[in-house]
């Protein structure tokens, strides 16, 4: 997804590097004290980075709150869950990837809905107001204008409801690999 991933952990460097190597993380900050995790997030933000922080413990709560997006693991502490904007139900890091993919899809759908609502209204409000009457003698009956406006709403709602069927690519790969 072209993100820079950094592991910030209180674990010792040897353990952190071993885990990071297994999951493909190149940037590791190990042996970070709990109070310093939020400072590390702040340093990234000061460099202009948008930071999403994934954590599960009481030690992660300040960093979750400092991050632009805090992603708490649902089996974690109540403090961590309260500090995050997104709460993952399972202990699966692929859910963090899926949540980012879903968020991108939702934002894309919001933009589509705004475009179509704007285009629809830009085209039909002048027609409903009678712009065609001087040139063609065509008027838009109020019933049809009301129907057109309702159809605009139906279009937006229908596009939004299609998100119910959306399966993030990270979750699709999990199902084909014999996952959940």
N, C-alpha and C. Protein backbone atom coordinates (compact mmCIF):
# COMPACT_ATOMS: atom_id res chain seq x y z
N UNK A 1 0.83 -1.20 0.00
CA UNK A 1 0.00 0.00 0.00
C UNK A 1 0.87 1.26 0.00
N UNK A 2 2.18 1.06 -0.11
CA UNK A 2 3.14 2.17 -0.20
C UNK A 2 3.18 3.03 1.06
N UNK A 3 2.97 2.42 2.23
CA UNK A 3 3.11 3.11 3.50
C UNK A 3 4.48 2.78 4.07
N UNK A 4 5.02 3.71 4.82
CA UNK A 4 6.23 3.43 5.59
C UNK A 4 5.76 2.89 6.93
N UNK A 5 6.19 1.69 7.25
CA UNK A 5 5.78 1.05 8.49
C UNK A 5 6.94 1.08 9.47
N UNK A 6 6.65 1.52 10.69
CA UNK A 6 7.65 1.58 11.74
C UNK A 6 7.11 0.81 12.94
N UNK A 7 7.90 -0.10 13.46
CA UNK A 7 7.51 -0.80 14.68
C UNK A 7 8.11 -0.04 15.86
N UNK A 8 7.24 0.39 16.78
CA UNK A 8 7.67 1.05 18.01
C UNK A 8 7.26 0.14 19.15
N UNK A 9 8.24 -0.40 19.85
CA UNK A 9 7.93 -1.39 20.87
C UNK A 9 8.83 -1.23 22.09
N UNK A 10 8.32 -1.67 23.20
CA UNK A 10 9.11 -1.70 24.42
C UNK A 10 9.94 -2.96 24.54
N UNK A 11 9.72 -3.90 23.64
CA UNK A 11 10.47 -5.16 23.67
C UNK A 11 11.95 -4.90 23.38
N UNK A 12 12.78 -5.87 23.73
CA UNK A 12 14.21 -5.71 23.45
C UNK A 12 14.45 -5.76 21.95
N UNK A 13 15.57 -5.19 21.54
CA UNK A 13 15.87 -5.03 20.11
C UNK A 13 15.93 -6.36 19.38
N UNK A 14 16.50 -7.37 20.00
CA UNK A 14 16.65 -8.67 19.33
C UNK A 14 15.28 -9.27 19.00
N UNK A 15 14.38 -9.28 19.98
CA UNK A 15 13.03 -9.81 19.76
C UNK A 15 12.28 -8.97 18.72
N UNK A 16 12.36 -7.66 18.87
CA UNK A 16 11.66 -6.76 17.94
C UNK A 16 12.13 -6.97 16.51
N UNK A 17 13.43 -7.06 16.32
CA UNK A 17 13.98 -7.24 14.97
C UNK A 17 13.60 -8.60 14.39
N UNK A 18 13.54 -9.63 15.22
CA UNK A 18 13.14 -10.96 14.74
C UNK A 18 11.70 -10.94 14.26
N UNK A 19 10.82 -10.33 15.03
CA UNK A 19 9.40 -10.25 14.63
C UNK A 19 9.26 -9.37 13.40
N UNK A 20 9.95 -8.23 13.38
CA UNK A 20 9.88 -7.31 12.24
C UNK A 20 10.32 -8.00 10.95
N UNK A 21 11.36 -8.80 11.05
CA UNK A 21 11.87 -9.51 9.87
C UNK A 21 10.82 -10.50 9.35
N UNK A 22 10.13 -11.19 10.26
CA UNK A 22 9.10 -12.16 9.86
C UNK A 22 7.96 -11.51 9.10
N UNK A 23 7.61 -10.27 9.50
CA UNK A 23 6.44 -9.64 8.86
C UNK A 23 6.81 -8.54 7.87
N UNK A 24 8.12 -8.37 7.62
CA UNK A 24 8.56 -7.47 6.57
C UNK A 24 8.65 -6.00 6.96
N UNK A 25 8.86 -5.72 8.24
CA UNK A 25 9.03 -4.34 8.68
C UNK A 25 10.52 -4.04 8.76
N UNK A 26 10.93 -2.96 8.10
CA UNK A 26 12.34 -2.61 8.05
C UNK A 26 12.75 -1.62 9.15
N UNK A 27 11.83 -0.73 9.54
CA UNK A 27 12.14 0.31 10.52
C UNK A 27 11.64 -0.12 11.90
N UNK A 28 12.59 -0.29 12.84
CA UNK A 28 12.23 -0.76 14.17
C UNK A 28 12.81 0.18 15.22
N UNK A 29 11.96 0.61 16.13
CA UNK A 29 12.39 1.35 17.31
C UNK A 29 12.06 0.46 18.50
N UNK A 30 13.09 -0.13 19.11
CA UNK A 30 12.88 -1.08 20.20
C UNK A 30 13.30 -0.45 21.53
N UNK A 31 12.86 -1.12 22.60
CA UNK A 31 13.17 -0.70 23.96
C UNK A 31 12.72 0.73 24.23
N UNK A 32 11.60 1.11 23.63
CA UNK A 32 11.03 2.44 23.82
C UNK A 32 10.15 2.40 25.07
N UNK A 33 10.38 3.31 25.96
CA UNK A 33 9.58 3.37 27.19
C UNK A 33 8.15 3.78 26.85
N UNK A 34 7.19 3.33 27.66
CA UNK A 34 5.79 3.63 27.36
C UNK A 34 5.51 5.11 27.12
N UNK A 35 6.07 5.98 27.95
CA UNK A 35 5.81 7.41 27.81
C UNK A 35 6.48 8.00 26.55
N UNK A 36 7.46 7.28 26.00
CA UNK A 36 8.17 7.79 24.82
C UNK A 36 7.51 7.39 23.50
N UNK A 37 6.58 6.44 23.53
CA UNK A 37 5.91 6.03 22.30
C UNK A 37 5.16 7.20 21.67
N UNK A 38 4.44 7.96 22.50
CA UNK A 38 3.71 9.12 21.99
C UNK A 38 4.68 10.16 21.43
N UNK A 39 5.86 10.31 22.07
CA UNK A 39 6.86 11.25 21.58
C UNK A 39 7.39 10.82 20.21
N UNK A 40 7.56 9.52 20.02
CA UNK A 40 8.02 9.02 18.71
C UNK A 40 6.98 9.29 17.63
N UNK A 41 5.71 9.12 17.99
CA UNK A 41 4.62 9.42 17.04
C UNK A 41 4.65 10.91 16.70
N UNK A 42 4.83 11.74 17.72
CA UNK A 42 4.86 13.19 17.52
C UNK A 42 6.03 13.59 16.61
N UNK A 43 7.18 12.94 16.78
CA UNK A 43 8.34 13.23 15.92
C UNK A 43 8.02 12.93 14.45
N UNK A 44 7.33 11.82 14.23
CA UNK A 44 6.93 11.47 12.85
C UNK A 44 5.99 12.53 12.29
N UNK A 45 5.05 12.97 13.11
CA UNK A 45 4.10 13.99 12.67
C UNK A 45 4.79 15.31 12.37
N UNK A 46 5.77 15.66 13.18
CA UNK A 46 6.51 16.91 12.96
C UNK A 46 7.30 16.88 11.65
N UNK A 47 7.62 15.68 11.18
CA UNK A 47 8.29 15.54 9.87
C UNK A 47 7.29 15.56 8.72
N UNK A 48 6.01 15.76 9.05
CA UNK A 48 4.98 15.84 8.02
C UNK A 48 4.30 14.53 7.72
N UNK A 49 4.58 13.51 8.49
CA UNK A 49 3.96 12.20 8.27
C UNK A 49 2.55 12.17 8.86
N UNK A 50 1.67 11.45 8.20
CA UNK A 50 0.36 11.14 8.76
C UNK A 50 0.51 9.77 9.41
N UNK A 51 0.21 9.70 10.70
CA UNK A 51 0.55 8.51 11.47
C UNK A 51 -0.71 7.75 11.90
N UNK A 52 -0.71 6.46 11.57
CA UNK A 52 -1.69 5.53 12.13
C UNK A 52 -0.90 4.65 13.08
N UNK A 53 -1.39 4.51 14.30
CA UNK A 53 -0.69 3.73 15.32
C UNK A 53 -1.59 2.58 15.72
N UNK A 54 -1.03 1.37 15.72
CA UNK A 54 -1.77 0.17 16.15
C UNK A 54 -1.22 -0.26 17.49
N UNK A 55 -2.11 -0.42 18.48
CA UNK A 55 -1.65 -0.83 19.80
C UNK A 55 -2.76 -1.51 20.58
N UNK A 56 -2.34 -2.17 21.68
CA UNK A 56 -3.34 -2.91 22.46
C UNK A 56 -3.23 -2.72 23.96
N UNK A 57 -2.18 -2.12 24.43
CA UNK A 57 -1.98 -2.08 25.87
C UNK A 57 -2.12 -0.70 26.46
N UNK A 58 -2.09 -0.66 27.78
CA UNK A 58 -2.18 0.62 28.48
C UNK A 58 -0.99 1.50 28.12
N UNK A 59 0.15 0.87 27.80
CA UNK A 59 1.35 1.62 27.39
C UNK A 59 1.17 2.29 26.03
N UNK A 60 0.22 1.80 25.25
CA UNK A 60 0.01 2.33 23.91
C UNK A 60 -1.02 3.47 23.88
N UNK A 61 -1.77 3.64 24.95
CA UNK A 61 -2.87 4.62 24.95
C UNK A 61 -2.42 6.03 24.59
N UNK A 62 -1.33 6.56 25.15
CA UNK A 62 -0.92 7.92 24.76
C UNK A 62 -0.56 8.02 23.28
N UNK A 63 0.11 7.00 22.75
CA UNK A 63 0.49 7.01 21.33
C UNK A 63 -0.75 6.88 20.45
N UNK A 64 -1.71 6.07 20.86
CA UNK A 64 -2.97 5.95 20.11
C UNK A 64 -3.68 7.29 20.06
N UNK A 65 -3.67 8.00 21.18
CA UNK A 65 -4.33 9.31 21.23
C UNK A 65 -3.57 10.35 20.42
N UNK A 66 -2.24 10.28 20.40
CA UNK A 66 -1.41 11.24 19.67
C UNK A 66 -1.50 11.04 18.15
N UNK A 67 -1.64 9.81 17.73
CA UNK A 67 -1.63 9.50 16.29
C UNK A 67 -2.80 10.15 15.57
N UNK A 68 -2.62 10.35 14.27
CA UNK A 68 -3.72 10.88 13.45
C UNK A 68 -4.88 9.89 13.43
N UNK A 69 -4.54 8.60 13.39
CA UNK A 69 -5.53 7.54 13.48
C UNK A 69 -5.01 6.50 14.45
N UNK A 70 -5.76 6.27 15.52
CA UNK A 70 -5.39 5.25 16.48
C UNK A 70 -6.19 4.00 16.21
N UNK A 71 -5.50 2.88 16.05
CA UNK A 71 -6.15 1.60 15.78
C UNK A 71 -5.88 0.69 16.97
N UNK A 72 -6.92 0.47 17.77
CA UNK A 72 -6.78 -0.35 18.98
C UNK A 72 -7.21 -1.77 18.68
N UNK A 73 -6.48 -2.72 19.24
CA UNK A 73 -6.84 -4.12 19.09
C UNK A 73 -7.86 -4.43 20.17
N UNK A 74 -8.99 -4.98 19.76
CA UNK A 74 -10.15 -5.17 20.63
C UNK A 74 -9.91 -6.00 21.86
N UNK A 75 -8.95 -6.91 21.83
CA UNK A 75 -8.68 -7.74 23.00
C UNK A 75 -7.73 -7.02 23.96
N UNK A 76 -7.36 -5.78 23.62
CA UNK A 76 -6.44 -5.03 24.46
C UNK A 76 -7.14 -4.43 25.67
N UNK A 77 -6.43 -3.54 26.33
CA UNK A 77 -6.97 -2.92 27.55
C UNK A 77 -8.06 -1.92 27.20
N UNK A 78 -8.92 -1.66 28.18
CA UNK A 78 -10.00 -0.69 27.98
C UNK A 78 -9.46 0.69 27.66
N UNK A 79 -8.33 1.05 28.28
CA UNK A 79 -7.74 2.37 28.04
C UNK A 79 -7.31 2.49 26.57
N UNK A 80 -6.68 1.45 26.04
CA UNK A 80 -6.25 1.46 24.63
C UNK A 80 -7.47 1.56 23.71
N UNK A 81 -8.50 0.79 24.02
CA UNK A 81 -9.71 0.79 23.19
C UNK A 81 -10.36 2.17 23.18
N UNK A 82 -10.39 2.82 24.34
CA UNK A 82 -10.97 4.16 24.43
C UNK A 82 -10.13 5.20 23.70
N UNK A 83 -8.83 4.96 23.58
CA UNK A 83 -7.92 5.92 22.96
C UNK A 83 -7.92 5.84 21.44
N UNK A 84 -8.35 4.74 20.88
CA UNK A 84 -8.30 4.55 19.43
C UNK A 84 -9.56 5.01 18.74
N UNK A 85 -9.40 5.43 17.48
CA UNK A 85 -10.56 5.79 16.67
C UNK A 85 -11.17 4.56 16.00
N UNK A 86 -10.32 3.57 15.75
CA UNK A 86 -10.76 2.32 15.15
C UNK A 86 -10.45 1.22 16.15
N UNK A 87 -11.40 0.32 16.36
CA UNK A 87 -11.16 -0.81 17.25
C UNK A 87 -11.32 -2.09 16.43
N UNK A 88 -10.25 -2.88 16.39
CA UNK A 88 -10.29 -4.15 15.68
C UNK A 88 -10.85 -5.21 16.62
N UNK A 89 -11.76 -6.01 16.14
CA UNK A 89 -12.42 -7.00 16.99
C UNK A 89 -11.48 -8.17 17.28
N UNK A 90 -10.71 -8.59 16.28
CA UNK A 90 -9.85 -9.76 16.44
C UNK A 90 -8.39 -9.34 16.60
N UNK A 91 -7.56 -10.27 17.00
CA UNK A 91 -6.13 -10.02 17.17
C UNK A 91 -5.38 -10.30 15.87
N UNK A 92 -5.87 -9.81 14.77
CA UNK A 92 -5.27 -10.09 13.48
C UNK A 92 -4.80 -8.77 12.87
N UNK A 93 -3.50 -8.63 12.66
CA UNK A 93 -2.98 -7.38 12.10
C UNK A 93 -3.47 -7.12 10.68
N UNK A 94 -3.87 -8.16 9.96
CA UNK A 94 -4.42 -7.95 8.62
C UNK A 94 -5.71 -7.14 8.68
N UNK A 95 -6.38 -7.16 9.83
CA UNK A 95 -7.58 -6.33 9.99
C UNK A 95 -7.24 -4.85 9.95
N UNK A 96 -6.03 -4.48 10.39
CA UNK A 96 -5.59 -3.09 10.30
C UNK A 96 -5.46 -2.70 8.83
N UNK A 97 -4.91 -3.60 8.03
CA UNK A 97 -4.78 -3.36 6.59
C UNK A 97 -6.17 -3.26 5.97
N UNK A 98 -7.05 -4.17 6.34
CA UNK A 98 -8.42 -4.17 5.81
C UNK A 98 -9.16 -2.89 6.19
N UNK A 99 -8.91 -2.39 7.40
CA UNK A 99 -9.60 -1.16 7.81
C UNK A 99 -9.15 0.04 6.98
N UNK A 100 -7.87 0.07 6.61
CA UNK A 100 -7.37 1.14 5.75
C UNK A 100 -7.99 1.01 4.36
N UNK A 101 -8.06 -0.21 3.85
CA UNK A 101 -8.66 -0.43 2.53
C UNK A 101 -10.14 -0.05 2.54
N UNK A 102 -10.85 -0.43 3.59
CA UNK A 102 -12.26 -0.07 3.71
C UNK A 102 -12.42 1.43 3.81
N UNK A 103 -11.57 2.09 4.56
CA UNK A 103 -11.65 3.55 4.70
C UNK A 103 -11.46 4.24 3.36
N UNK A 104 -10.50 3.74 2.57
CA UNK A 104 -10.28 4.33 1.25
C UNK A 104 -11.50 4.13 0.35
N UNK A 105 -12.11 2.96 0.43
CA UNK A 105 -13.29 2.67 -0.37
C UNK A 105 -14.45 3.58 0.05
N UNK A 106 -14.63 3.77 1.35
CA UNK A 106 -15.71 4.63 1.85
C UNK A 106 -15.50 6.07 1.38
N UNK A 107 -14.26 6.56 1.48
CA UNK A 107 -13.99 7.93 1.02
C UNK A 107 -14.23 8.07 -0.48
N UNK A 108 -13.86 7.06 -1.22
CA UNK A 108 -14.12 7.07 -2.66
C UNK A 108 -15.62 7.13 -2.94
N UNK A 109 -16.38 6.35 -2.18
CA UNK A 109 -17.83 6.32 -2.37
C UNK A 109 -18.46 7.66 -1.99
N UNK A 110 -17.96 8.28 -0.94
CA UNK A 110 -18.46 9.61 -0.54
C UNK A 110 -18.22 10.61 -1.66
N UNK A 111 -17.05 10.57 -2.26
CA UNK A 111 -16.74 11.48 -3.36
C UNK A 111 -17.63 11.21 -4.57
N UNK A 112 -17.88 9.92 -4.87
CA UNK A 112 -18.79 9.59 -5.97
C UNK A 112 -20.19 10.12 -5.69
N UNK A 113 -20.67 9.92 -4.47
CA UNK A 113 -22.00 10.39 -4.11
C UNK A 113 -22.10 11.90 -4.24
N UNK A 114 -21.09 12.61 -3.78
CA UNK A 114 -21.10 14.08 -3.91
C UNK A 114 -21.10 14.49 -5.38
N UNK A 115 -20.28 13.81 -6.18
CA UNK A 115 -20.24 14.14 -7.61
C UNK A 115 -21.61 13.93 -8.26
N UNK A 116 -22.20 12.75 -8.05
CA UNK A 116 -23.47 12.46 -8.70
C UNK A 116 -24.60 13.35 -8.19
N UNK A 117 -24.62 13.61 -6.89
CA UNK A 117 -25.66 14.50 -6.35
C UNK A 117 -25.50 15.91 -6.92
N UNK A 118 -24.26 16.38 -6.99
CA UNK A 118 -24.01 17.71 -7.53
C UNK A 118 -24.37 17.76 -9.02
N UNK A 119 -23.94 16.76 -9.79
CA UNK A 119 -24.24 16.74 -11.23
C UNK A 119 -25.74 16.67 -11.48
N UNK A 120 -26.40 15.81 -10.73
CA UNK A 120 -27.84 15.63 -10.87
C UNK A 120 -28.58 16.93 -10.57
N UNK A 121 -28.23 17.56 -9.46
CA UNK A 121 -28.89 18.80 -9.07
C UNK A 121 -28.54 19.96 -9.99
N UNK A 122 -27.30 20.01 -10.45
CA UNK A 122 -26.89 21.06 -11.38
C UNK A 122 -27.67 20.97 -12.68
N UNK A 123 -27.93 19.77 -13.13
CA UNK A 123 -28.68 19.58 -14.37
C UNK A 123 -30.18 19.78 -14.19
N UNK A 124 -30.74 19.27 -13.12
CA UNK A 124 -32.20 19.24 -13.01
C UNK A 124 -32.84 20.43 -12.29
N UNK A 125 -32.12 21.11 -11.42
CA UNK A 125 -32.74 22.27 -10.75
C UNK A 125 -33.08 23.37 -11.76
N UNK A 126 -32.18 23.71 -12.70
CA UNK A 126 -32.57 24.72 -13.71
C UNK A 126 -33.76 24.24 -14.57
N UNK A 127 -33.80 22.95 -14.87
CA UNK A 127 -34.92 22.42 -15.66
C UNK A 127 -36.21 22.56 -14.87
N UNK A 128 -36.15 22.20 -13.58
CA UNK A 128 -37.34 22.32 -12.73
C UNK A 128 -37.76 23.78 -12.57
N UNK A 129 -36.78 24.69 -12.62
CA UNK A 129 -37.08 26.12 -12.48
C UNK A 129 -37.65 26.71 -13.77
N UNK A 130 -37.62 25.95 -14.86
CA UNK A 130 -38.24 26.41 -16.10
C UNK A 130 -37.29 26.96 -17.14
N UNK A 131 -36.02 26.62 -17.09
CA UNK A 131 -35.05 27.16 -18.05
C UNK A 131 -35.35 26.73 -19.49
N UNK A 132 -36.01 25.60 -19.66
CA UNK A 132 -36.32 25.13 -21.02
C UNK A 132 -37.58 25.77 -21.60
N UNK A 133 -38.39 26.39 -20.77
CA UNK A 133 -39.67 26.94 -21.24
C UNK A 133 -39.51 28.02 -22.31
N UNK A 134 -38.63 29.02 -22.14
CA UNK A 134 -38.52 30.07 -23.17
C UNK A 134 -38.05 29.55 -24.53
N UNK A 135 -37.28 28.47 -24.53
CA UNK A 135 -36.70 27.97 -25.78
C UNK A 135 -37.55 26.88 -26.43
N UNK A 136 -38.11 25.99 -25.61
CA UNK A 136 -38.82 24.83 -26.17
C UNK A 136 -40.25 24.70 -25.68
N UNK A 137 -40.66 25.56 -24.77
CA UNK A 137 -42.00 25.48 -24.22
C UNK A 137 -42.20 24.28 -23.29
N UNK A 138 -41.10 23.73 -22.80
CA UNK A 138 -41.18 22.55 -21.93
C UNK A 138 -41.17 22.99 -20.47
N UNK A 139 -42.12 22.45 -19.72
CA UNK A 139 -42.13 22.70 -18.27
C UNK A 139 -41.99 21.35 -17.56
N UNK A 140 -41.53 21.43 -16.38
CA UNK A 140 -41.31 20.24 -15.55
C UNK A 140 -42.40 20.25 -14.49
N UNK A 141 -43.29 19.30 -14.55
CA UNK A 141 -44.36 19.25 -13.57
C UNK A 141 -43.78 19.07 -12.17
N UNK A 142 -44.40 19.65 -11.15
CA UNK A 142 -43.88 19.51 -9.78
C UNK A 142 -43.76 18.05 -9.35
N UNK A 143 -44.68 17.21 -9.80
CA UNK A 143 -44.60 15.79 -9.43
C UNK A 143 -43.33 15.16 -9.98
N UNK A 144 -42.98 15.51 -11.22
CA UNK A 144 -41.77 14.97 -11.83
C UNK A 144 -40.52 15.54 -11.17
N UNK A 145 -40.58 16.81 -10.80
CA UNK A 145 -39.44 17.42 -10.10
C UNK A 145 -39.22 16.71 -8.76
N UNK A 146 -40.29 16.43 -8.05
CA UNK A 146 -40.19 15.71 -6.78
C UNK A 146 -39.64 14.30 -6.99
N UNK A 147 -40.11 13.63 -8.04
CA UNK A 147 -39.61 12.29 -8.36
C UNK A 147 -38.12 12.33 -8.70
N UNK A 148 -37.71 13.35 -9.47
CA UNK A 148 -36.30 13.49 -9.84
C UNK A 148 -35.44 13.68 -8.59
N UNK A 149 -35.91 14.50 -7.66
CA UNK A 149 -35.14 14.71 -6.43
C UNK A 149 -35.08 13.43 -5.60
N UNK A 150 -36.19 12.69 -5.56
CA UNK A 150 -36.20 11.42 -4.83
C UNK A 150 -35.23 10.43 -5.47
N UNK A 151 -35.18 10.42 -6.80
CA UNK A 151 -34.27 9.51 -7.50
C UNK A 151 -32.81 9.87 -7.23
N UNK A 152 -32.53 11.15 -7.04
CA UNK A 152 -31.19 11.57 -6.66
C UNK A 152 -30.81 10.93 -5.33
N UNK A 153 -31.71 10.97 -4.38
CA UNK A 153 -31.46 10.38 -3.07
C UNK A 153 -31.34 8.86 -3.17
N UNK A 154 -32.18 8.25 -3.99
CA UNK A 154 -32.13 6.80 -4.17
C UNK A 154 -30.78 6.39 -4.76
N UNK A 155 -30.27 7.17 -5.69
CA UNK A 155 -28.97 6.88 -6.30
C UNK A 155 -27.86 6.91 -5.24
N UNK A 156 -27.86 7.96 -4.44
CA UNK A 156 -26.83 8.11 -3.41
C UNK A 156 -26.93 6.97 -2.39
N UNK A 157 -28.13 6.66 -1.93
CA UNK A 157 -28.31 5.60 -0.95
C UNK A 157 -27.92 4.24 -1.55
N UNK A 158 -28.30 4.00 -2.79
CA UNK A 158 -27.96 2.73 -3.44
C UNK A 158 -26.45 2.54 -3.57
N UNK A 159 -25.76 3.60 -3.98
CA UNK A 159 -24.30 3.51 -4.07
C UNK A 159 -23.69 3.23 -2.69
N UNK A 160 -24.24 3.85 -1.66
CA UNK A 160 -23.73 3.61 -0.31
C UNK A 160 -24.00 2.19 0.16
N UNK A 161 -25.18 1.67 -0.15
CA UNK A 161 -25.53 0.31 0.28
C UNK A 161 -24.66 -0.74 -0.40
N UNK A 162 -24.10 -0.41 -1.54
CA UNK A 162 -23.22 -1.37 -2.22
C UNK A 162 -21.96 -1.63 -1.41
N UNK A 163 -21.65 -0.75 -0.45
CA UNK A 163 -20.48 -0.98 0.42
C UNK A 163 -20.67 -2.21 1.31
N UNK A 164 -21.92 -2.59 1.55
CA UNK A 164 -22.16 -3.77 2.40
C UNK A 164 -21.53 -5.02 1.80
N UNK A 165 -21.43 -5.07 0.49
CA UNK A 165 -20.86 -6.24 -0.19
C UNK A 165 -19.36 -6.15 -0.37
N UNK A 166 -18.79 -5.00 -0.02
CA UNK A 166 -17.36 -4.80 -0.25
C UNK A 166 -16.54 -5.66 0.70
N UNK A 167 -15.59 -6.37 0.14
CA UNK A 167 -14.65 -7.18 0.92
C UNK A 167 -13.25 -6.63 0.63
N UNK A 168 -12.59 -6.05 1.64
CA UNK A 168 -11.25 -5.52 1.41
C UNK A 168 -10.32 -6.60 0.86
N UNK A 169 -9.45 -6.24 -0.07
CA UNK A 169 -8.53 -7.23 -0.64
C UNK A 169 -7.73 -8.00 0.41
N UNK A 170 -7.38 -7.36 1.52
CA UNK A 170 -6.62 -8.05 2.58
C UNK A 170 -7.42 -9.20 3.16
N UNK A 171 -8.73 -9.05 3.25
CA UNK A 171 -9.59 -10.11 3.79
C UNK A 171 -9.84 -11.19 2.75
N UNK A 172 -9.87 -10.82 1.47
CA UNK A 172 -10.06 -11.82 0.41
C UNK A 172 -8.88 -12.78 0.40
N UNK A 173 -7.68 -12.24 0.48
CA UNK A 173 -6.48 -13.07 0.49
C UNK A 173 -6.44 -13.99 1.68
N UNK A 174 -6.96 -13.52 2.80
CA UNK A 174 -6.99 -14.32 4.03
C UNK A 174 -7.92 -15.52 3.86
N UNK A 175 -9.04 -15.32 3.21
CA UNK A 175 -10.01 -16.41 3.03
C UNK A 175 -9.47 -17.46 2.08
N UNK A 176 -8.74 -17.02 1.03
CA UNK A 176 -8.22 -17.98 0.07
C UNK A 176 -7.02 -18.77 0.61
N UNK A 177 -6.36 -18.23 1.65
CA UNK A 177 -5.21 -18.90 2.24
C UNK A 177 -5.62 -19.83 3.38
N UNK A 178 -6.90 -20.07 3.51
CA UNK A 178 -7.37 -20.96 4.57
C UNK A 178 -7.52 -20.25 5.88
N UNK A 179 -7.60 -18.91 5.86
CA UNK A 179 -7.76 -18.13 7.09
C UNK A 179 -9.19 -18.23 7.59
N UNK A 180 -9.59 -17.22 8.32
CA UNK A 180 -10.88 -17.21 9.01
C UNK A 180 -12.06 -17.39 8.09
